[in-house]
C-alpha cells in the first residue's frame, strides 16, 4: 500500500523542506474542461500579466461563457481585438472543434492512460506536450505527472538540488523518482517554491 502523498514526498529530504515551508500551488475547481484548455492556449509564451489581460478581455468577448460552441460562434475580430493572435485564435478554434468531435472531458478520458491522453490532446494543432501535461494535472487531476517542459519546474529543481546550476532532464527525472506516484503534487510544490 502506498503511503499518503506528503509522507512519500517527505522521504526526499530536500522536498521535505519544501513541504514544510510552502503550500502547494492550488488547483482550482474546473467547471468546463474546454475552458481550461482555452486558458492554457492563451497562456502559451506570454508573461503572467499579459496572459491574464488577454484572458480577461477574451472572456469579456465571450461573456464569461467559454465553451466550444461559444468560441466557434464568436466574432473573429472581437477575439483578435481582445489580444488573441491570429495563430492562437486558430488554436482555440481547433481545440473547440476537437471537443465537439471527441469527448475530451474528464469522463471521456477517464479510462485513458496518461500517455493516451497526451497523444489525444497533442493531435490538436496548438496543443503541445506542456499544454497537455497541464491538462493532466489541472483538469484530469492525474497524480503522477512531471512536466519537465515547464520552465518553472526545471528552475525549481535546479535551485533546490543544484544551487541554481543547470541540470539535464535525465538527471531531473532521476531526482524526481522518489516522488512517485505523486509527482503532480511535487510539481505543485516546486511551483510554490519557485514563485516564493
N, C-alpha and C. Protein backbone atom coordinates (compact mmCIF):
# COMPACT_ATOMS: atom_id res chain seq x y z
N UNK A 1 0.84 -1.19 0.00
CA UNK A 1 0.00 0.00 0.00
C UNK A 1 0.88 1.25 0.00
N UNK A 2 0.52 2.23 -0.82
CA UNK A 2 1.30 3.46 -0.94
C UNK A 2 0.92 4.39 0.21
N UNK A 3 1.91 5.03 0.79
CA UNK A 3 1.67 5.99 1.87
C UNK A 3 0.99 7.23 1.31
N UNK A 4 0.50 8.09 2.22
CA UNK A 4 -0.16 9.31 1.75
C UNK A 4 0.86 10.19 1.02
N UNK A 5 0.40 11.08 0.16
CA UNK A 5 1.30 11.84 -0.72
C UNK A 5 2.41 12.60 0.01
N UNK A 6 2.07 13.32 1.05
CA UNK A 6 3.11 14.13 1.70
C UNK A 6 4.14 13.25 2.40
N UNK A 7 3.74 12.09 2.91
CA UNK A 7 4.70 11.17 3.51
C UNK A 7 5.68 10.68 2.46
N UNK A 8 5.17 10.37 1.26
CA UNK A 8 6.05 9.95 0.16
C UNK A 8 7.02 11.07 -0.19
N UNK A 9 6.53 12.30 -0.35
CA UNK A 9 7.40 13.41 -0.72
C UNK A 9 8.44 13.69 0.36
N UNK A 10 8.08 13.52 1.62
CA UNK A 10 9.00 13.80 2.73
C UNK A 10 10.15 12.79 2.80
N UNK A 11 10.05 11.70 2.09
CA UNK A 11 11.17 10.74 2.07
C UNK A 11 12.40 11.35 1.41
N UNK A 12 12.16 12.36 0.56
CA UNK A 12 13.25 13.11 -0.07
C UNK A 12 13.51 14.31 0.86
N UNK A 13 14.69 14.39 1.49
CA UNK A 13 14.94 15.47 2.47
C UNK A 13 14.79 16.88 1.89
N UNK A 14 15.18 17.06 0.63
CA UNK A 14 15.04 18.39 0.02
C UNK A 14 13.56 18.73 -0.15
N UNK A 15 12.78 17.77 -0.67
CA UNK A 15 11.35 18.02 -0.86
C UNK A 15 10.65 18.17 0.49
N UNK A 16 11.13 17.46 1.52
CA UNK A 16 10.54 17.60 2.87
C UNK A 16 10.63 19.05 3.34
N UNK A 17 11.76 19.70 3.07
CA UNK A 17 11.92 21.11 3.44
C UNK A 17 10.92 21.99 2.70
N UNK A 18 10.72 21.70 1.41
CA UNK A 18 9.77 22.47 0.60
C UNK A 18 8.34 22.27 1.15
N UNK A 19 7.99 21.05 1.47
CA UNK A 19 6.66 20.74 2.01
C UNK A 19 6.45 21.48 3.33
N UNK A 20 7.50 21.57 4.14
CA UNK A 20 7.39 22.27 5.43
C UNK A 20 7.22 23.78 5.26
N UNK A 21 7.80 24.33 4.20
CA UNK A 21 7.83 25.79 4.03
C UNK A 21 6.73 26.37 3.15
N UNK A 22 6.12 25.54 2.32
CA UNK A 22 5.17 26.06 1.33
C UNK A 22 3.89 25.24 1.29
N UNK A 23 2.84 25.90 0.84
CA UNK A 23 1.62 25.19 0.46
C UNK A 23 1.75 24.90 -1.03
N UNK A 24 1.22 23.78 -1.51
CA UNK A 24 1.34 23.51 -2.95
C UNK A 24 0.54 24.52 -3.76
N UNK A 25 1.03 24.79 -4.95
CA UNK A 25 0.29 25.64 -5.88
C UNK A 25 -1.14 25.09 -5.99
N UNK A 26 -2.15 25.95 -5.87
CA UNK A 26 -3.53 25.43 -5.81
C UNK A 26 -4.04 24.90 -7.15
N UNK A 27 -4.99 23.98 -7.04
CA UNK A 27 -5.74 23.52 -8.20
C UNK A 27 -7.16 24.04 -8.00
N UNK A 28 -7.56 24.92 -8.90
CA UNK A 28 -8.91 25.48 -8.79
C UNK A 28 -9.90 24.54 -9.44
N UNK A 29 -11.11 24.47 -8.89
CA UNK A 29 -12.12 23.60 -9.49
C UNK A 29 -12.36 23.98 -10.95
N UNK A 30 -12.57 22.98 -11.77
CA UNK A 30 -12.79 23.20 -13.20
C UNK A 30 -14.24 22.92 -13.52
N UNK A 31 -14.94 23.93 -14.04
CA UNK A 31 -16.31 23.73 -14.46
C UNK A 31 -16.35 23.11 -15.84
N UNK A 32 -15.72 23.78 -16.78
CA UNK A 32 -15.72 23.34 -18.18
C UNK A 32 -14.28 23.01 -18.58
N UNK A 33 -14.07 21.76 -18.95
CA UNK A 33 -12.73 21.32 -19.32
C UNK A 33 -12.17 22.11 -20.50
N UNK A 34 -13.03 22.42 -21.47
CA UNK A 34 -12.56 23.19 -22.62
C UNK A 34 -12.04 24.55 -22.17
N UNK A 35 -12.73 25.18 -21.22
CA UNK A 35 -12.29 26.49 -20.75
C UNK A 35 -10.85 26.43 -20.25
N UNK A 36 -10.52 25.37 -19.53
CA UNK A 36 -9.17 25.24 -19.01
C UNK A 36 -8.15 25.09 -20.14
N UNK A 37 -8.51 24.35 -21.18
CA UNK A 37 -7.62 24.20 -22.33
C UNK A 37 -7.48 25.55 -23.05
N UNK A 38 -8.58 26.26 -23.19
CA UNK A 38 -8.57 27.60 -23.79
C UNK A 38 -7.57 28.49 -23.05
N UNK A 39 -7.65 28.49 -21.71
CA UNK A 39 -6.76 29.32 -20.89
C UNK A 39 -5.31 28.89 -21.08
N UNK A 40 -5.05 27.59 -21.14
CA UNK A 40 -3.68 27.11 -21.34
C UNK A 40 -3.13 27.58 -22.68
N UNK A 41 -3.96 27.56 -23.71
CA UNK A 41 -3.51 28.02 -25.03
C UNK A 41 -3.22 29.51 -25.00
N UNK A 42 -4.11 30.29 -24.38
CA UNK A 42 -3.90 31.73 -24.26
C UNK A 42 -2.59 32.01 -23.52
N UNK A 43 -2.31 31.24 -22.47
CA UNK A 43 -1.13 31.48 -21.64
C UNK A 43 0.20 31.15 -22.32
N UNK A 44 0.17 30.37 -23.38
CA UNK A 44 1.41 29.93 -24.02
C UNK A 44 2.26 31.12 -24.44
N UNK A 45 3.52 31.09 -24.03
CA UNK A 45 4.54 32.05 -24.44
C UNK A 45 4.19 33.50 -24.11
N UNK A 46 3.41 33.71 -23.05
CA UNK A 46 3.10 35.06 -22.59
C UNK A 46 3.50 35.17 -21.13
N UNK A 47 3.87 36.38 -20.72
CA UNK A 47 4.11 36.60 -19.30
C UNK A 47 2.78 36.43 -18.56
N UNK A 48 2.86 36.22 -17.27
CA UNK A 48 1.64 36.03 -16.48
C UNK A 48 0.72 37.24 -16.62
N UNK A 49 1.28 38.45 -16.53
CA UNK A 49 0.47 39.67 -16.62
C UNK A 49 -0.20 39.80 -17.99
N UNK A 50 0.55 39.56 -19.05
CA UNK A 50 -0.02 39.65 -20.40
C UNK A 50 -1.11 38.60 -20.60
N UNK A 51 -0.83 37.37 -20.17
CA UNK A 51 -1.80 36.29 -20.33
C UNK A 51 -3.09 36.61 -19.58
N UNK A 52 -2.96 37.15 -18.38
CA UNK A 52 -4.14 37.49 -17.59
C UNK A 52 -4.97 38.55 -18.30
N UNK A 53 -4.32 39.57 -18.83
CA UNK A 53 -5.03 40.65 -19.53
C UNK A 53 -5.76 40.13 -20.76
N UNK A 54 -5.07 39.33 -21.58
CA UNK A 54 -5.70 38.77 -22.79
C UNK A 54 -6.86 37.86 -22.41
N UNK A 55 -6.64 37.01 -21.43
CA UNK A 55 -7.69 36.08 -20.99
C UNK A 55 -8.92 36.85 -20.53
N UNK A 56 -8.74 37.88 -19.71
CA UNK A 56 -9.88 38.65 -19.21
C UNK A 56 -10.65 39.31 -20.35
N UNK A 57 -9.93 39.88 -21.31
CA UNK A 57 -10.61 40.53 -22.44
C UNK A 57 -11.33 39.49 -23.30
N UNK A 58 -10.70 38.34 -23.53
CA UNK A 58 -11.35 37.28 -24.32
C UNK A 58 -12.60 36.76 -23.60
N UNK A 59 -12.50 36.59 -22.28
CA UNK A 59 -13.67 36.16 -21.51
C UNK A 59 -14.79 37.18 -21.61
N UNK A 60 -14.44 38.49 -21.63
CA UNK A 60 -15.46 39.54 -21.79
C UNK A 60 -16.17 39.38 -23.14
N UNK A 61 -15.38 39.15 -24.19
CA UNK A 61 -15.97 38.96 -25.53
C UNK A 61 -16.94 37.79 -25.50
N UNK A 62 -16.58 36.73 -24.78
CA UNK A 62 -17.41 35.51 -24.71
C UNK A 62 -18.45 35.58 -23.60
N UNK A 63 -18.54 36.74 -22.96
CA UNK A 63 -19.48 36.98 -21.86
C UNK A 63 -19.35 35.91 -20.76
N UNK A 64 -18.10 35.50 -20.52
CA UNK A 64 -17.82 34.54 -19.46
C UNK A 64 -18.24 33.12 -19.76
N UNK A 65 -18.74 32.87 -20.96
CA UNK A 65 -19.24 31.54 -21.33
C UNK A 65 -18.25 30.92 -22.32
N UNK A 66 -17.20 30.29 -21.77
CA UNK A 66 -16.12 29.77 -22.61
C UNK A 66 -16.33 28.28 -22.83
N UNK A 67 -17.09 27.98 -23.87
CA UNK A 67 -17.36 26.60 -24.27
C UNK A 67 -17.03 26.47 -25.75
N UNK A 68 -16.84 25.24 -26.22
CA UNK A 68 -16.51 25.09 -27.64
C UNK A 68 -17.50 25.81 -28.56
N UNK A 69 -18.77 25.69 -28.25
CA UNK A 69 -19.80 26.29 -29.12
C UNK A 69 -19.70 27.81 -29.15
N UNK A 70 -19.44 28.43 -28.00
CA UNK A 70 -19.39 29.90 -27.97
C UNK A 70 -18.12 30.41 -28.65
N UNK A 71 -17.02 29.67 -28.52
CA UNK A 71 -15.78 30.09 -29.17
C UNK A 71 -15.91 29.97 -30.68
N UNK A 72 -16.54 28.89 -31.15
CA UNK A 72 -16.73 28.72 -32.59
C UNK A 72 -17.67 29.77 -33.16
N UNK A 73 -18.61 30.24 -32.35
CA UNK A 73 -19.59 31.21 -32.83
C UNK A 73 -19.12 32.66 -32.66
N UNK A 74 -18.08 32.88 -31.89
CA UNK A 74 -17.63 34.25 -31.58
C UNK A 74 -17.06 34.95 -32.80
N UNK A 75 -17.14 36.27 -32.78
CA UNK A 75 -16.62 37.11 -33.85
C UNK A 75 -15.09 37.11 -33.85
N UNK A 76 -14.49 36.79 -35.00
CA UNK A 76 -13.03 36.76 -35.11
C UNK A 76 -12.40 38.08 -34.68
N UNK A 77 -12.92 39.16 -35.23
CA UNK A 77 -12.32 40.48 -34.96
C UNK A 77 -12.37 40.82 -33.48
N UNK A 78 -13.46 40.49 -32.82
CA UNK A 78 -13.58 40.79 -31.39
C UNK A 78 -12.53 40.03 -30.58
N UNK A 79 -12.30 38.76 -30.93
CA UNK A 79 -11.29 37.97 -30.21
C UNK A 79 -9.88 38.47 -30.53
N UNK A 80 -9.66 38.87 -31.77
CA UNK A 80 -8.35 39.43 -32.13
C UNK A 80 -8.11 40.74 -31.40
N UNK A 81 -9.14 41.58 -31.32
CA UNK A 81 -9.01 42.85 -30.60
C UNK A 81 -8.80 42.62 -29.11
N UNK A 82 -9.29 41.49 -28.59
CA UNK A 82 -9.08 41.16 -27.17
C UNK A 82 -7.63 40.80 -26.90
N UNK A 83 -6.87 40.53 -27.96
CA UNK A 83 -5.44 40.25 -27.78
C UNK A 83 -5.00 38.88 -28.22
N UNK A 84 -5.94 38.04 -28.67
CA UNK A 84 -5.52 36.74 -29.20
C UNK A 84 -4.80 36.99 -30.52
N UNK A 85 -3.69 36.33 -30.72
CA UNK A 85 -3.03 36.41 -32.02
C UNK A 85 -3.86 35.58 -33.01
N UNK A 86 -3.62 35.81 -34.29
CA UNK A 86 -4.35 35.03 -35.31
C UNK A 86 -4.08 33.55 -35.12
N UNK A 87 -2.85 33.21 -34.77
CA UNK A 87 -2.49 31.80 -34.59
C UNK A 87 -3.22 31.22 -33.37
N UNK A 88 -3.25 31.95 -32.26
CA UNK A 88 -3.94 31.43 -31.07
C UNK A 88 -5.44 31.32 -31.31
N UNK A 89 -5.99 32.23 -32.11
CA UNK A 89 -7.41 32.12 -32.46
C UNK A 89 -7.64 30.81 -33.21
N UNK A 90 -6.75 30.49 -34.15
CA UNK A 90 -6.85 29.20 -34.86
C UNK A 90 -6.79 28.04 -33.86
N UNK A 91 -5.87 28.13 -32.91
CA UNK A 91 -5.67 27.04 -31.96
C UNK A 91 -6.88 26.83 -31.05
N UNK A 92 -7.44 27.93 -30.52
CA UNK A 92 -8.60 27.74 -29.62
C UNK A 92 -9.81 27.23 -30.40
N UNK A 93 -9.90 27.62 -31.67
CA UNK A 93 -11.00 27.11 -32.50
C UNK A 93 -10.78 25.63 -32.84
N UNK A 94 -9.53 25.27 -33.15
CA UNK A 94 -9.23 23.87 -33.43
C UNK A 94 -9.52 23.00 -32.21
N UNK A 95 -9.15 23.50 -31.03
CA UNK A 95 -9.44 22.78 -29.79
C UNK A 95 -10.95 22.66 -29.58
N UNK A 96 -11.69 23.71 -29.91
CA UNK A 96 -13.15 23.68 -29.77
C UNK A 96 -13.75 22.62 -30.69
N UNK A 97 -13.26 22.56 -31.92
CA UNK A 97 -13.75 21.53 -32.85
C UNK A 97 -13.43 20.13 -32.33
N UNK A 98 -12.22 19.96 -31.78
CA UNK A 98 -11.83 18.65 -31.23
C UNK A 98 -12.76 18.24 -30.10
N UNK A 99 -13.13 19.20 -29.24
CA UNK A 99 -14.06 18.90 -28.15
C UNK A 99 -15.44 18.53 -28.67
N UNK A 100 -15.85 19.14 -29.78
CA UNK A 100 -17.15 18.82 -30.37
C UNK A 100 -17.14 17.44 -31.02
N UNK A 101 -15.99 17.04 -31.56
CA UNK A 101 -15.89 15.76 -32.28
C UNK A 101 -15.55 14.58 -31.38
N UNK A 102 -14.77 14.84 -30.32
CA UNK A 102 -14.31 13.76 -29.43
C UNK A 102 -14.61 14.16 -27.98
N UNK A 103 -14.81 13.20 -27.12
CA UNK A 103 -15.09 13.51 -25.72
C UNK A 103 -13.77 13.65 -24.97
N UNK A 104 -13.32 14.91 -24.81
CA UNK A 104 -12.06 15.19 -24.14
C UNK A 104 -12.28 15.67 -22.71
N UNK A 105 -13.46 15.36 -22.17
CA UNK A 105 -13.77 15.74 -20.79
C UNK A 105 -13.13 14.74 -19.83
N UNK A 106 -13.21 15.05 -18.54
CA UNK A 106 -12.71 14.12 -17.51
C UNK A 106 -13.35 12.76 -17.69
N UNK A 107 -14.65 12.76 -17.89
CA UNK A 107 -15.38 11.50 -18.03
C UNK A 107 -14.94 10.74 -19.29
N UNK A 108 -14.82 11.46 -20.38
CA UNK A 108 -14.45 10.83 -21.64
C UNK A 108 -13.04 10.27 -21.66
N UNK A 109 -12.15 10.86 -20.83
CA UNK A 109 -10.76 10.41 -20.81
C UNK A 109 -10.43 9.56 -19.58
N UNK A 110 -11.42 9.26 -18.79
CA UNK A 110 -11.20 8.55 -17.52
C UNK A 110 -10.48 7.22 -17.68
N UNK A 111 -10.77 6.49 -18.74
CA UNK A 111 -10.17 5.16 -18.93
C UNK A 111 -8.86 5.22 -19.72
N UNK A 112 -8.45 6.42 -20.14
CA UNK A 112 -7.22 6.57 -20.91
C UNK A 112 -6.02 6.71 -19.98
N UNK A 113 -4.90 6.10 -20.36
CA UNK A 113 -3.66 6.29 -19.62
C UNK A 113 -3.17 7.73 -19.84
N UNK A 114 -2.23 8.15 -19.01
CA UNK A 114 -1.66 9.49 -19.20
C UNK A 114 -1.08 9.62 -20.60
N UNK A 115 -0.36 8.60 -21.06
CA UNK A 115 0.25 8.64 -22.40
C UNK A 115 -0.83 8.76 -23.47
N UNK A 116 -1.94 8.03 -23.33
CA UNK A 116 -3.03 8.11 -24.31
C UNK A 116 -3.65 9.50 -24.32
N UNK A 117 -3.79 10.10 -23.14
CA UNK A 117 -4.34 11.47 -23.07
C UNK A 117 -3.39 12.44 -23.76
N UNK A 118 -2.09 12.32 -23.49
CA UNK A 118 -1.12 13.19 -24.14
C UNK A 118 -1.21 13.05 -25.66
N UNK A 119 -1.29 11.81 -26.14
CA UNK A 119 -1.39 11.58 -27.58
C UNK A 119 -2.67 12.18 -28.15
N UNK A 120 -3.77 12.02 -27.43
CA UNK A 120 -5.07 12.53 -27.89
C UNK A 120 -5.06 14.06 -27.96
N UNK A 121 -4.54 14.69 -26.93
CA UNK A 121 -4.55 16.15 -26.89
C UNK A 121 -3.56 16.77 -27.87
N UNK A 122 -2.39 16.15 -28.02
CA UNK A 122 -1.39 16.75 -28.91
C UNK A 122 -1.73 16.53 -30.39
N UNK A 123 -2.79 15.79 -30.67
CA UNK A 123 -3.31 15.73 -32.04
C UNK A 123 -3.91 17.07 -32.45
N UNK A 124 -4.27 17.88 -31.46
CA UNK A 124 -4.88 19.20 -31.71
C UNK A 124 -3.75 20.18 -32.01
N UNK A 125 -3.84 20.83 -33.16
CA UNK A 125 -2.83 21.83 -33.51
C UNK A 125 -2.84 22.93 -32.46
N UNK A 126 -1.66 23.28 -31.95
CA UNK A 126 -1.56 24.31 -30.92
C UNK A 126 -1.51 23.76 -29.51
N UNK A 127 -1.71 22.45 -29.38
CA UNK A 127 -1.61 21.82 -28.07
C UNK A 127 -0.37 20.92 -28.08
N UNK A 128 0.64 21.38 -27.38
CA UNK A 128 1.88 20.60 -27.28
C UNK A 128 1.93 19.83 -25.97
N UNK A 129 3.08 19.24 -25.74
CA UNK A 129 3.28 18.43 -24.53
C UNK A 129 3.01 19.23 -23.26
N UNK A 130 3.53 20.49 -23.19
CA UNK A 130 3.35 21.29 -21.98
C UNK A 130 1.86 21.50 -21.69
N UNK A 131 1.12 21.94 -22.69
CA UNK A 131 -0.30 22.19 -22.50
C UNK A 131 -1.04 20.91 -22.12
N UNK A 132 -0.70 19.82 -22.77
CA UNK A 132 -1.35 18.54 -22.46
C UNK A 132 -1.02 18.10 -21.03
N UNK A 133 0.20 18.31 -20.59
CA UNK A 133 0.56 17.94 -19.21
C UNK A 133 -0.14 18.84 -18.19
N UNK A 134 -0.33 20.11 -18.52
CA UNK A 134 -1.09 21.00 -17.63
C UNK A 134 -2.54 20.49 -17.51
N UNK A 135 -3.07 20.01 -18.63
CA UNK A 135 -4.43 19.45 -18.64
C UNK A 135 -4.49 18.20 -17.75
N UNK A 136 -3.47 17.36 -17.84
CA UNK A 136 -3.42 16.17 -16.99
C UNK A 136 -3.42 16.55 -15.51
N UNK A 137 -2.66 17.59 -15.16
CA UNK A 137 -2.54 17.99 -13.75
C UNK A 137 -3.78 18.73 -13.28
N UNK A 138 -4.17 19.77 -14.01
CA UNK A 138 -5.20 20.69 -13.51
C UNK A 138 -6.63 20.29 -13.83
N UNK A 139 -6.83 19.60 -14.92
CA UNK A 139 -8.20 19.22 -15.30
C UNK A 139 -8.49 17.78 -14.89
N UNK A 140 -7.62 16.88 -15.30
CA UNK A 140 -7.86 15.47 -15.01
C UNK A 140 -7.35 15.07 -13.63
N UNK A 141 -6.56 15.95 -13.02
CA UNK A 141 -6.01 15.72 -11.67
C UNK A 141 -5.30 14.37 -11.57
N UNK A 142 -4.51 14.07 -12.59
CA UNK A 142 -3.72 12.84 -12.56
C UNK A 142 -2.59 13.02 -11.55
N UNK A 143 -2.30 12.02 -10.75
CA UNK A 143 -1.38 12.19 -9.63
C UNK A 143 0.11 12.14 -9.95
N UNK A 144 0.50 11.58 -11.09
CA UNK A 144 1.92 11.31 -11.29
C UNK A 144 2.45 11.91 -12.58
N UNK A 145 2.31 13.23 -12.73
CA UNK A 145 2.75 13.94 -13.94
C UNK A 145 3.94 14.83 -13.57
N UNK A 146 5.01 14.72 -14.32
CA UNK A 146 6.20 15.55 -14.13
C UNK A 146 6.44 16.34 -15.41
N UNK A 147 6.00 17.61 -15.44
CA UNK A 147 6.10 18.41 -16.67
C UNK A 147 7.45 19.12 -16.80
N UNK A 148 8.45 18.39 -17.24
CA UNK A 148 9.78 19.00 -17.37
C UNK A 148 9.87 19.99 -18.52
N UNK A 149 8.82 20.11 -19.31
CA UNK A 149 8.75 21.16 -20.32
C UNK A 149 8.43 22.51 -19.70
N UNK A 150 8.10 22.53 -18.42
CA UNK A 150 7.73 23.76 -17.72
C UNK A 150 9.00 24.40 -17.13
N UNK A 151 9.28 25.62 -17.55
CA UNK A 151 10.49 26.31 -17.12
C UNK A 151 10.56 26.45 -15.60
N UNK A 152 9.46 26.80 -14.96
CA UNK A 152 9.47 26.99 -13.50
C UNK A 152 9.77 25.67 -12.78
N UNK A 153 9.29 24.56 -13.30
CA UNK A 153 9.58 23.26 -12.70
C UNK A 153 11.09 22.98 -12.81
N UNK A 154 11.64 23.19 -13.99
CA UNK A 154 13.08 22.94 -14.17
C UNK A 154 13.92 23.85 -13.29
N UNK A 155 13.56 25.14 -13.28
CA UNK A 155 14.33 26.10 -12.46
C UNK A 155 14.18 25.76 -10.98
N UNK A 156 13.00 25.35 -10.57
CA UNK A 156 12.78 24.98 -9.18
C UNK A 156 13.67 23.81 -8.77
N UNK A 157 13.73 22.79 -9.62
CA UNK A 157 14.58 21.63 -9.34
C UNK A 157 16.04 22.06 -9.29
N UNK A 158 16.45 22.89 -10.24
CA UNK A 158 17.85 23.33 -10.27
C UNK A 158 18.21 24.15 -9.03
N UNK A 159 17.31 25.02 -8.60
CA UNK A 159 17.57 25.82 -7.40
C UNK A 159 17.67 24.94 -6.16
N UNK A 160 16.75 24.00 -6.04
CA UNK A 160 16.69 23.17 -4.84
C UNK A 160 17.77 22.09 -4.79
N UNK A 161 18.13 21.55 -5.94
CA UNK A 161 19.01 20.38 -5.96
C UNK A 161 20.40 20.65 -6.51
N UNK A 162 20.61 21.84 -7.12
CA UNK A 162 21.92 22.07 -7.75
C UNK A 162 22.34 23.54 -7.67
N UNK A 163 21.91 24.23 -6.61
CA UNK A 163 22.28 25.62 -6.38
C UNK A 163 22.04 26.52 -7.58
N UNK A 164 20.98 26.21 -8.34
CA UNK A 164 20.60 27.03 -9.48
C UNK A 164 21.34 26.71 -10.76
N UNK A 165 22.28 25.79 -10.70
CA UNK A 165 23.03 25.42 -11.91
C UNK A 165 22.21 24.44 -12.75
N UNK A 166 22.43 24.50 -14.05
CA UNK A 166 21.65 23.69 -14.99
C UNK A 166 21.83 22.19 -14.76
N UNK A 167 20.73 21.47 -14.91
CA UNK A 167 20.72 20.01 -14.84
C UNK A 167 20.08 19.46 -16.11
N UNK A 168 20.49 18.28 -16.52
CA UNK A 168 19.85 17.65 -17.67
C UNK A 168 18.46 17.16 -17.26
N UNK A 169 17.60 16.99 -18.21
CA UNK A 169 16.27 16.46 -17.91
C UNK A 169 16.36 15.04 -17.38
N UNK A 170 17.34 14.28 -17.87
CA UNK A 170 17.51 12.90 -17.37
C UNK A 170 17.84 12.93 -15.88
N UNK A 171 18.69 13.86 -15.48
CA UNK A 171 19.04 13.99 -14.06
C UNK A 171 17.81 14.42 -13.26
N UNK A 172 17.03 15.33 -13.82
CA UNK A 172 15.81 15.78 -13.13
C UNK A 172 14.84 14.62 -12.94
N UNK A 173 14.68 13.81 -13.98
CA UNK A 173 13.80 12.64 -13.86
C UNK A 173 14.28 11.71 -12.76
N UNK A 174 15.59 11.54 -12.68
CA UNK A 174 16.17 10.68 -11.65
C UNK A 174 15.91 11.27 -10.25
N UNK A 175 16.08 12.59 -10.10
CA UNK A 175 15.82 13.24 -8.82
C UNK A 175 14.35 13.10 -8.42
N UNK A 176 13.47 13.07 -9.41
CA UNK A 176 12.03 13.01 -9.15
C UNK A 176 11.52 11.60 -8.88
N UNK A 177 12.33 10.59 -9.10
CA UNK A 177 11.89 9.20 -8.88
C UNK A 177 11.29 8.97 -7.48
N UNK A 178 11.92 9.47 -6.41
CA UNK A 178 11.37 9.22 -5.08
C UNK A 178 9.97 9.83 -4.87
N UNK A 179 9.56 10.74 -5.73
CA UNK A 179 8.25 11.39 -5.58
C UNK A 179 7.10 10.55 -6.13
N UNK A 180 7.43 9.49 -6.89
CA UNK A 180 6.38 8.64 -7.44
C UNK A 180 5.57 8.02 -6.32
N UNK A 181 4.29 7.85 -6.45
CA UNK A 181 3.41 8.16 -7.59
C UNK A 181 2.72 9.52 -7.45
N UNK A 182 3.42 10.49 -6.83
CA UNK A 182 2.80 11.80 -6.56
C UNK A 182 3.61 12.95 -7.15
N UNK A 183 4.12 12.76 -8.36
CA UNK A 183 4.93 13.81 -8.96
C UNK A 183 4.12 15.05 -9.32
N UNK A 184 2.81 14.92 -9.50
CA UNK A 184 1.98 16.11 -9.74
C UNK A 184 1.98 17.01 -8.51
N UNK A 185 1.83 16.42 -7.33
CA UNK A 185 1.86 17.21 -6.10
C UNK A 185 3.25 17.81 -5.91
N UNK A 186 4.29 17.04 -6.17
CA UNK A 186 5.66 17.58 -6.08
C UNK A 186 5.83 18.77 -7.02
N UNK A 187 5.26 18.67 -8.21
CA UNK A 187 5.31 19.76 -9.19
C UNK A 187 4.66 21.01 -8.62
N UNK A 188 3.51 20.84 -7.98
CA UNK A 188 2.81 21.99 -7.39
C UNK A 188 3.64 22.61 -6.26
N UNK A 189 4.37 21.79 -5.52
CA UNK A 189 5.29 22.33 -4.51
C UNK A 189 6.46 23.05 -5.16
N UNK A 190 6.98 22.52 -6.26
CA UNK A 190 8.07 23.17 -6.97
C UNK A 190 7.65 24.55 -7.46
N UNK A 191 6.43 24.64 -8.01
CA UNK A 191 5.94 25.95 -8.45
C UNK A 191 5.86 26.92 -7.28
N UNK A 192 5.33 26.45 -6.16
CA UNK A 192 5.20 27.31 -4.98
C UNK A 192 6.56 27.79 -4.50
N UNK A 193 7.54 26.88 -4.46
CA UNK A 193 8.89 27.24 -4.02
C UNK A 193 9.54 28.21 -5.00
N UNK A 194 9.36 27.98 -6.30
CA UNK A 194 9.96 28.83 -7.31
C UNK A 194 9.35 30.23 -7.28
N UNK A 195 8.05 30.31 -7.04
CA UNK A 195 7.36 31.61 -7.03
C UNK A 195 7.58 32.39 -5.75
N UNK A 196 8.08 31.73 -4.70
CA UNK A 196 8.24 32.40 -3.39
C UNK A 196 9.40 33.38 -3.40
